[in-house]
Structures are given as C-alpha cells and as structure tokens.
Amino acid sequence: MDTFLIIISIVVCVIGALVSFTAKFIVKKMNLTEKQVIKGIDDQKSLESLKHQKAIMKVKLIGAAIFLPGMIALYIILKI
C-alpha cells in the first residue's frame, strides 16, 4: 500500500511540475492572455505584457497547487 501511495504522490508532483514548467506553452495554446483583465494601464504595449505575465503566473500557481499536496503526501509517507 505504501508503494502505491508513493507512486501516486510522485505522479502528482511530476504533473504539478510539468504544469509549472510549461506555463508559457499552456498560456499560448489556450490563449489565456486575452482573458486577463488589468485596470489602470493606458499604454497598450505594457498592457499586453502585463496580461501575458499575469496569465503565466496564474498557470504557475495552479501548477504549484498541484505539486504541493503530492510533495506533502510523499513527505508524510516517507517520514513514517
């Protein structure tokens, strides 16, 4: 049973890491830049840059949210 949980935890960690590392590709493929809302910026070029950075950060946070439970579970399993 421990081996199964270790493998599942490692798989969850790898998926989270892949989401974080491929954030630029995911943003480009899913066109997430256009869906971002930023208020108070007048310059169009800097607005597009900020939208792109915001979209990448959201995807990286989702990747971290996937990675951390797997890492915590792996830590708890291997500590015992």
PDB file of N, CA and C in Angstrom:
ATOM      1  N   MET A   1       0.828  -1.196   0.000  1.00  0.00           N
ATOM      2  CA  MET A   1       0.000   0.000   0.000  1.00  0.00           C
ATOM      3  C   MET A   1       0.871   1.258   0.000  1.00  0.00           C
ATOM      4  N   ASP A   2       1.973   1.195   0.758  1.00  0.00           N
ATOM      5  CA  ASP A   2       2.865   2.356   0.785  1.00  0.00           C
ATOM      6  C   ASP A   2       3.477   2.626  -0.580  1.00  0.00           C
ATOM      7  N   THR A   3       3.816   1.570  -1.291  1.00  0.00           N
ATOM      8  CA  THR A   3       4.410   1.740  -2.621  1.00  0.00           C
ATOM      9  C   THR A   3       3.431   2.426  -3.560  1.00  0.00           C
ATOM     10  N   PHE A   4       2.165   2.022  -3.498  1.00  0.00           N
ATOM     11  CA  PHE A   4       1.137   2.640  -4.332  1.00  0.00           C
ATOM     12  C   PHE A   4       0.995   4.125  -4.015  1.00  0.00           C
ATOM     13  N   LEU A   5       0.962   4.470  -2.733  1.00  0.00           N
ATOM     14  CA  LEU A   5       0.832   5.877  -2.347  1.00  0.00           C
ATOM     15  C   LEU A   5       2.061   6.693  -2.744  1.00  0.00           C
ATOM     16  N   ILE A   6       3.223   6.095  -2.646  1.00  0.00           N
ATOM     17  CA  ILE A   6       4.451   6.785  -3.061  1.00  0.00           C
ATOM     18  C   ILE A   6       4.417   7.065  -4.558  1.00  0.00           C
ATOM     19  N   ILE A   7       4.002   6.074  -5.344  1.00  0.00           N
ATOM     20  CA  ILE A   7       3.936   6.265  -6.794  1.00  0.00           C
ATOM     21  C   ILE A   7       2.917   7.334  -7.157  1.00  0.00           C
ATOM     22  N   ILE A   8       1.750   7.307  -6.531  1.00  0.00           N
ATOM     23  CA  ILE A   8       0.719   8.323  -6.798  1.00  0.00           C
ATOM     24  C   ILE A   8       1.224   9.709  -6.407  1.00  0.00           C
ATOM     25  N   SER A   9       1.896   9.822  -5.280  1.00  0.00           N
ATOM     26  CA  SER A   9       2.437  11.113  -4.848  1.00  0.00           C
ATOM     27  C   SER A   9       3.479  11.637  -5.829  1.00  0.00           C
ATOM     28  N   ILE A  10       4.337  10.769  -6.308  1.00  0.00           N
ATOM     29  CA  ILE A  10       5.355  11.185  -7.280  1.00  0.00           C
ATOM     30  C   ILE A  10       4.703  11.615  -8.582  1.00  0.00           C
ATOM     31  N   VAL A  11       3.676  10.890  -9.018  1.00  0.00           N
ATOM     32  CA  VAL A  11       2.969  11.263 -10.253  1.00  0.00           C
ATOM     33  C   VAL A  11       2.316  12.632 -10.109  1.00  0.00           C
ATOM     34  N   VAL A  12       1.689  12.889  -8.966  1.00  0.00           N
ATOM     35  CA  VAL A  12       1.063  14.196  -8.732  1.00  0.00           C
ATOM     36  C   VAL A  12       2.123  15.298  -8.727  1.00  0.00           C
ATOM     37  N   CYS A  13       3.263  15.039  -8.109  1.00  0.00           N
ATOM     38  CA  CYS A  13       4.354  16.021  -8.106  1.00  0.00           C
ATOM     39  C   CYS A  13       4.859  16.298  -9.517  1.00  0.00           C
ATOM     40  N   VAL A  14       5.021  15.257 -10.306  1.00  0.00           N
ATOM     41  CA  VAL A  14       5.508  15.428 -11.678  1.00  0.00           C
ATOM     42  C   VAL A  14       4.502  16.210 -12.518  1.00  0.00           C
ATOM     43  N   ILE A  15       3.220  15.923 -12.357  1.00  0.00           N
ATOM     44  CA  ILE A  15       2.197  16.664 -13.105  1.00  0.00           C
ATOM     45  C   ILE A  15       2.221  18.139 -12.723  1.00  0.00           C
ATOM     46  N   GLY A  16       2.308  18.435 -11.434  1.00  0.00           N
ATOM     47  CA  GLY A  16       2.383  19.826 -10.995  1.00  0.00           C
ATOM     48  C   GLY A  16       3.614  20.537 -11.513  1.00  0.00           C
ATOM     49  N   ALA A  17       4.740  19.842 -11.506  1.00  0.00           N
ATOM     50  CA  ALA A  17       5.975  20.441 -12.027  1.00  0.00           C
ATOM     51  C   ALA A  17       5.874  20.685 -13.525  1.00  0.00           C
ATOM     52  N   LEU A  18       5.277  19.755 -14.264  1.00  0.00           N
ATOM     53  CA  LEU A  18       5.111  19.940 -15.706  1.00  0.00           C
ATOM     54  C   LEU A  18       4.205  21.125 -16.023  1.00  0.00           C
ATOM     55  N   VAL A  19       3.150  21.293 -15.240  1.00  0.00           N
ATOM     56  CA  VAL A  19       2.261  22.444 -15.450  1.00  0.00           C
ATOM     57  C   VAL A  19       3.028  23.735 -15.209  1.00  0.00           C
ATOM     58  N   SER A  20       3.836  23.779 -14.173  1.00  0.00           N
ATOM     59  CA  SER A  20       4.610  24.989 -13.887  1.00  0.00           C
ATOM     60  C   SER A  20       5.670  25.260 -14.950  1.00  0.00           C
ATOM     61  N   PHE A  21       6.372  24.213 -15.379  1.00  0.00           N
ATOM     62  CA  PHE A  21       7.452  24.405 -16.345  1.00  0.00           C
ATOM     63  C   PHE A  21       6.951  24.713 -17.749  1.00  0.00           C
ATOM     64  N   THR A  22       5.759  24.254 -18.087  1.00  0.00           N
ATOM     65  CA  THR A  22       5.215  24.508 -19.426  1.00  0.00           C
ATOM     66  C   THR A  22       4.168  25.613 -19.410  1.00  0.00           C
ATOM     67  N   ALA A  23       4.263  26.523 -18.466  1.00  0.00           N
ATOM     68  CA  ALA A  23       3.254  27.576 -18.322  1.00  0.00           C
ATOM     69  C   ALA A  23       3.166  28.460 -19.562  1.00  0.00           C
ATOM     70  N   LYS A  24       4.306  28.819 -20.147  1.00  0.00           N
ATOM     71  CA  LYS A  24       4.268  29.671 -21.340  1.00  0.00           C
ATOM     72  C   LYS A  24       3.546  28.977 -22.487  1.00  0.00           C
ATOM     73  N   PHE A  25       3.824  27.698 -22.680  1.00  0.00           N
ATOM     74  CA  PHE A  25       3.168  26.950 -23.744  1.00  0.00           C
ATOM     75  C   PHE A  25       1.665  26.843 -23.494  1.00  0.00           C
ATOM     76  N   ILE A  26       1.266  26.599 -22.248  1.00  0.00           N
ATOM     77  CA  ILE A  26      -0.152  26.480 -21.906  1.00  0.00           C
ATOM     78  C   ILE A  26      -0.871  27.799 -22.147  1.00  0.00           C
ATOM     79  N   VAL A  27      -0.253  28.906 -21.753  1.00  0.00           N
ATOM     80  CA  VAL A  27      -0.860  30.223 -21.956  1.00  0.00           C
ATOM     81  C   VAL A  27      -1.034  30.504 -23.438  1.00  0.00           C
ATOM     82  N   LYS A  28      -0.017  30.177 -24.214  1.00  0.00           N
ATOM     83  CA  LYS A  28      -0.085  30.429 -25.657  1.00  0.00           C
ATOM     84  C   LYS A  28      -1.117  29.526 -26.325  1.00  0.00           C
ATOM     85  N   LYS A  29      -1.136  28.250 -25.961  1.00  0.00           N
ATOM     86  CA  LYS A  29      -2.025  27.276 -26.589  1.00  0.00           C
ATOM     87  C   LYS A  29      -3.490  27.545 -26.257  1.00  0.00           C
ATOM     88  N   MET A  30      -3.776  27.944 -25.018  1.00  0.00           N
ATOM     89  CA  MET A  30      -5.154  28.165 -24.594  1.00  0.00           C
ATOM     90  C   MET A  30      -5.590  29.620 -24.727  1.00  0.00           C
ATOM     91  N   ASN A  31      -4.691  30.485 -25.209  1.00  0.00           N
ATOM     92  CA  ASN A  31      -4.988  31.903 -25.427  1.00  0.00           C
ATOM     93  C   ASN A  31      -5.490  32.572 -24.137  1.00  0.00           C
ATOM     94  N   LEU A  32      -4.797  32.338 -23.044  1.00  0.00           N
ATOM     95  CA  LEU A  32      -5.204  32.886 -21.749  1.00  0.00           C
ATOM     96  C   LEU A  32      -4.853  34.360 -21.589  1.00  0.00           C
ATOM     97  N   THR A  33      -3.963  34.877 -22.435  1.00  0.00           N
ATOM     98  CA  THR A  33      -3.568  36.284 -22.341  1.00  0.00           C
ATOM     99  C   THR A  33      -4.753  37.201 -22.598  1.00  0.00           C
ATOM    100  N   GLU A  34      -5.588  36.836 -23.546  1.00  0.00           N
ATOM    101  CA  GLU A  34      -6.733  37.677 -23.916  1.00  0.00           C
ATOM    102  C   GLU A  34      -7.802  37.703 -22.828  1.00  0.00           C
ATOM    103  N   LYS A  35      -7.826  36.713 -21.957  1.00  0.00           N
ATOM    104  CA  LYS A  35      -8.865  36.612 -20.939  1.00  0.00           C
ATOM    105  C   LYS A  35      -8.532  37.366 -19.656  1.00  0.00           C
ATOM    106  N   GLN A  36      -7.338  37.928 -19.561  1.00  0.00           N
ATOM    107  CA  GLN A  36      -6.918  38.635 -18.356  1.00  0.00           C
ATOM    108  C   GLN A  36      -7.456  40.061 -18.361  1.00  0.00           C
ATOM    109  N   VAL A  37      -7.792  40.575 -17.187  1.00  0.00           N
ATOM    110  CA  VAL A  37      -8.295  41.940 -17.037  1.00  0.00           C
ATOM    111  C   VAL A  37      -7.342  42.706 -16.127  1.00  0.00           C
ATOM    112  N   ILE A  38      -6.818  43.813 -16.651  1.00  0.00           N
ATOM    113  CA  ILE A  38      -5.942  44.687 -15.868  1.00  0.00           C
ATOM    114  C   ILE A  38      -6.470  46.101 -16.020  1.00  0.00           C
ATOM    115  N   LYS A  39      -6.697  46.768 -14.901  1.00  0.00           N
ATOM    116  CA  LYS A  39      -7.244  48.124 -14.928  1.00  0.00           C
ATOM    117  C   LYS A  39      -6.162  49.135 -14.586  1.00  0.00           C
ATOM    118  N   GLY A  40      -6.288  50.330 -15.133  1.00  0.00           N
ATOM    119  CA  GLY A  40      -5.420  51.435 -14.756  1.00  0.00           C
ATOM    120  C   GLY A  40      -4.174  51.592 -15.598  1.00  0.00           C
ATOM    121  N   ILE A  41      -4.026  50.828 -16.665  1.00  0.00           N
ATOM    122  CA  ILE A  41      -2.855  50.932 -17.538  1.00  0.00           C
ATOM    123  C   ILE A  41      -3.314  51.472 -18.889  1.00  0.00           C
ATOM    124  N   ASP A  42      -2.674  52.565 -19.338  1.00  0.00           N
ATOM    125  CA  ASP A  42      -3.061  53.182 -20.603  1.00  0.00           C
ATOM    126  C   ASP A  42      -2.209  52.707 -21.775  1.00  0.00           C
ATOM    127  N   ASP A  43      -0.952  52.427 -21.544  1.00  0.00           N
ATOM    128  CA  ASP A  43      -0.037  52.023 -22.607  1.00  0.00           C
ATOM    129  C   ASP A  43      -0.383  50.610 -23.092  1.00  0.00           C
ATOM    130  N   GLN A  44      -0.706  50.474 -24.364  1.00  0.00           N
ATOM    131  CA  GLN A  44      -1.166  49.195 -24.913  1.00  0.00           C
ATOM    132  C   GLN A  44      -0.073  48.121 -24.894  1.00  0.00           C
ATOM    133  N   LYS A  45       1.172  48.514 -25.177  1.00  0.00           N
ATOM    134  CA  LYS A  45       2.264  47.534 -25.213  1.00  0.00           C
ATOM    135  C   LYS A  45       2.538  46.968 -23.820  1.00  0.00           C
ATOM    136  N   SER A  46       2.586  47.834 -22.827  1.00  0.00           N
ATOM    137  CA  SER A  46       2.823  47.342 -21.467  1.00  0.00           C
ATOM    138  C   SER A  46       1.605  46.577 -20.947  1.00  0.00           C
ATOM    139  N   LEU A  47       0.416  46.939 -21.425  1.00  0.00           N
ATOM    140  CA  LEU A  47      -0.793  46.222 -21.019  1.00  0.00           C
ATOM    141  C   LEU A  47      -0.749  44.771 -21.508  1.00  0.00           C
ATOM    142  N   GLU A  48      -0.349  44.567 -22.755  1.00  0.00           N
ATOM    143  CA  GLU A  48      -0.246  43.206 -23.289  1.00  0.00           C
ATOM    144  C   GLU A  48       0.823  42.406 -22.546  1.00  0.00           C
ATOM    145  N   SER A  49       1.932  43.055 -22.219  1.00  0.00           N
ATOM    146  CA  SER A  49       2.993  42.378 -21.478  1.00  0.00           C
ATOM    147  C   SER A  49       2.511  41.975 -20.083  1.00  0.00           C
ATOM    148  N   LEU A  50       1.798  42.866 -19.422  1.00  0.00           N
ATOM    149  CA  LEU A  50       1.282  42.559 -18.086  1.00  0.00           C
ATOM    150  C   LEU A  50       0.235  41.453 -18.133  1.00  0.00           C
ATOM    151  N   LYS A  51      -0.613  41.464 -19.154  1.00  0.00           N
ATOM    152  CA  LYS A  51      -1.609  40.402 -19.295  1.00  0.00           C
ATOM    153  C   LYS A  51      -0.930  39.048 -19.476  1.00  0.00           C
ATOM    154  N   HIS A  52       0.122  39.035 -20.285  1.00  0.00           N
ATOM    155  CA  HIS A  52       0.853  37.786 -20.525  1.00  0.00           C
ATOM    156  C   HIS A  52       1.521  37.292 -19.238  1.00  0.00           C
ATOM    157  N   GLN A  53       2.139  38.193 -18.496  1.00  0.00           N
ATOM    158  CA  GLN A  53       2.795  37.815 -17.238  1.00  0.00           C
ATOM    159  C   GLN A  53       1.780  37.329 -16.207  1.00  0.00           C
ATOM    160  N   LYS A  54       0.617  37.994 -16.164  1.00  0.00           N
ATOM    161  CA  LYS A  54      -0.423  37.603 -15.214  1.00  0.00           C
ATOM    162  C   LYS A  54      -0.953  36.208 -15.539  1.00  0.00           C
ATOM    163  N   ALA A  55      -1.152  35.934 -16.822  1.00  0.00           N
ATOM    164  CA  ALA A  55      -1.635  34.615 -17.231  1.00  0.00           C
ATOM    165  C   ALA A  55      -0.617  33.534 -16.887  1.00  0.00           C
ATOM    166  N   ILE A  56       0.660  33.806 -17.132  1.00  0.00           N
ATOM    167  CA  ILE A  56       1.706  32.831 -16.808  1.00  0.00           C
ATOM    168  C   ILE A  56       1.761  32.588 -15.302  1.00  0.00           C
ATOM    169  N   MET A  57       1.654  33.634 -14.505  1.00  0.00           N
ATOM    170  CA  MET A  57       1.703  33.468 -13.050  1.00  0.00           C
ATOM    171  C   MET A  57       0.516  32.654 -12.541  1.00  0.00           C
ATOM    172  N   LYS A  58      -0.664  32.851 -13.128  1.00  0.00           N
ATOM    173  CA  LYS A  58      -1.823  32.062 -12.704  1.00  0.00           C
ATOM    174  C   LYS A  58      -1.617  30.582 -13.002  1.00  0.00           C
ATOM    175  N   VAL A  59      -1.071  30.277 -14.171  1.00  0.00           N
ATOM    176  CA  VAL A  59      -0.817  28.879 -14.527  1.00  0.00           C
ATOM    177  C   VAL A  59       0.256  28.292 -13.613  1.00  0.00           C
ATOM    178  N   LYS A  60       1.289  29.058 -13.297  1.00  0.00           N
ATOM    179  CA  LYS A  60       2.339  28.565 -12.397  1.00  0.00           C
ATOM    180  C   LYS A  60       1.799  28.333 -10.985  1.00  0.00           C
ATOM    181  N   LEU A  61       0.881  29.178 -10.530  1.00  0.00           N
ATOM    182  CA  LEU A  61       0.270  28.965  -9.216  1.00  0.00           C
ATOM    183  C   LEU A  61      -0.585  27.704  -9.201  1.00  0.00           C
ATOM    184  N   ILE A  62      -1.282  27.441 -10.294  1.00  0.00           N
ATOM    185  CA  ILE A  62      -2.060  26.206 -10.387  1.00  0.00           C
ATOM    186  C   ILE A  62      -1.122  25.003 -10.354  1.00  0.00           C
ATOM    187  N   GLY A  63       0.001  25.103 -11.054  1.00  0.00           N
ATOM    188  CA  GLY A  63       0.994  24.030 -11.023  1.00  0.00           C
ATOM    189  C   GLY A  63       1.539  23.802  -9.621  1.00  0.00           C
ATOM    190  N   ALA A  64       1.787  24.882  -8.902  1.00  0.00           N
ATOM    191  CA  ALA A  64       2.268  24.754  -7.521  1.00  0.00           C
ATOM    192  C   ALA A  64       1.195  24.153  -6.621  1.00  0.00           C
ATOM    193  N   ALA A  65      -0.068  24.509  -6.872  1.00  0.00           N
ATOM    194  CA  ALA A  65      -1.167  23.950  -6.083  1.00  0.00           C
ATOM    195  C   ALA A  65      -1.334  22.453  -6.341  1.00  0.00           C
ATOM    196  N   ILE A  66      -0.961  21.996  -7.518  1.00  0.00           N
ATOM    197  CA  ILE A  66      -0.991  20.564  -7.813  1.00  0.00           C
ATOM    198  C   ILE A  66       0.238  19.875  -7.213  1.00  0.00           C
ATOM    199  N   PHE A  67       1.390  20.524  -7.274  1.00  0.00           N
ATOM    200  CA  PHE A  67       2.654  19.939  -6.822  1.00  0.00           C
ATOM    201  C   PHE A  67       2.705  19.760  -5.304  1.00  0.00           C
ATOM    202  N   LEU A  68       2.275  20.765  -4.563  1.00  0.00           N
ATOM    203  CA  LEU A  68       2.446  20.744  -3.106  1.00  0.00           C
ATOM    204  C   LEU A  68       1.726  19.601  -2.390  1.00  0.00           C
ATOM    205  N   PRO A  69       0.464  19.284  -2.692  1.00  0.00           N
ATOM    206  CA  PRO A  69      -0.150  18.138  -1.991  1.00  0.00           C
ATOM    207  C   PRO A  69       0.586  16.821  -2.229  1.00  0.00           C
ATOM    208  N   GLY A  70       1.074  16.638  -3.441  1.00  0.00           N
ATOM    209  CA  GLY A  70       1.849  15.428  -3.714  1.00  0.00           C
ATOM    210  C   GLY A  70       3.135  15.387  -2.913  1.00  0.00           C
ATOM    211  N   MET A  71       3.802  16.527  -2.807  1.00  0.00           N
ATOM    212  CA  MET A  71       5.050  16.584  -2.054  1.00  0.00           C
ATOM    213  C   MET A  71       4.795  16.403  -0.556  1.00  0.00           C
ATOM    214  N   ILE A  72       3.734  16.990  -0.048  1.00  0.00           N
ATOM    215  CA  ILE A  72       3.400  16.832   1.371  1.00  0.00           C
ATOM    216  C   ILE A  72       3.054  15.378   1.675  1.00  0.00           C
ATOM    217  N   ALA A  73       2.261  14.756   0.798  1.00  0.00           N
ATOM    218  CA  ALA A  73       1.917  13.347   0.999  1.00  0.00           C
ATOM    219  C   ALA A  73       3.161  12.471   0.941  1.00  0.00           C
ATOM    220  N   LEU A  74       4.052  12.758   0.015  1.00  0.00           N
ATOM    221  CA  LEU A  74       5.297  11.994  -0.097  1.00  0.00           C
ATOM    222  C   LEU A  74       6.150  12.159   1.161  1.00  0.00           C
ATOM    223  N   TYR A  75       6.214  13.367   1.678  1.00  0.00           N
ATOM    224  CA  TYR A  75       6.973  13.626   2.906  1.00  0.00           C
ATOM    225  C   TYR A  75       6.392  12.840   4.086  1.00  0.00           C
ATOM    226  N   ILE A  76       5.074  12.866   4.212  1.00  0.00           N
ATOM    227  CA  ILE A  76       4.428  12.170   5.328  1.00  0.00           C
ATOM    228  C   ILE A  76       4.620  10.660   5.209  1.00  0.00           C
ATOM    229  N   ILE A  77       4.486  10.141   3.997  1.00  0.00           N
ATOM    230  CA  ILE A  77       4.630   8.694   3.798  1.00  0.00           C
ATOM    231  C   ILE A  77       6.056   8.237   4.098  1.00  0.00           C
ATOM    232  N   LEU A  78       7.038   8.972   3.616  1.00  0.00           N
ATOM    233  CA  LEU A  78       8.428   8.550   3.797  1.00  0.00           C
ATOM    234  C   LEU A  78       8.965   8.851   5.197  1.00  0.00           C
ATOM    235  N   LYS A  79       8.309   9.753   5.914  1.00  0.00           N
ATOM    236  CA  LYS A  79       8.741  10.076   7.270  1.00  0.00           C
ATOM    237  C   LYS A  79       8.401   8.939   8.234  1.00  0.00           C
ATOM    238  N   ILE A  80       7.319   8.280   7.998  1.00  0.00           N
ATOM    239  CA  ILE A  80       6.841   7.222   8.904  1.00  0.00           C
ATOM    240  C   ILE A  80       7.619   5.945   8.752  1.00  0.00           C
TER     241      ILE A  80
END
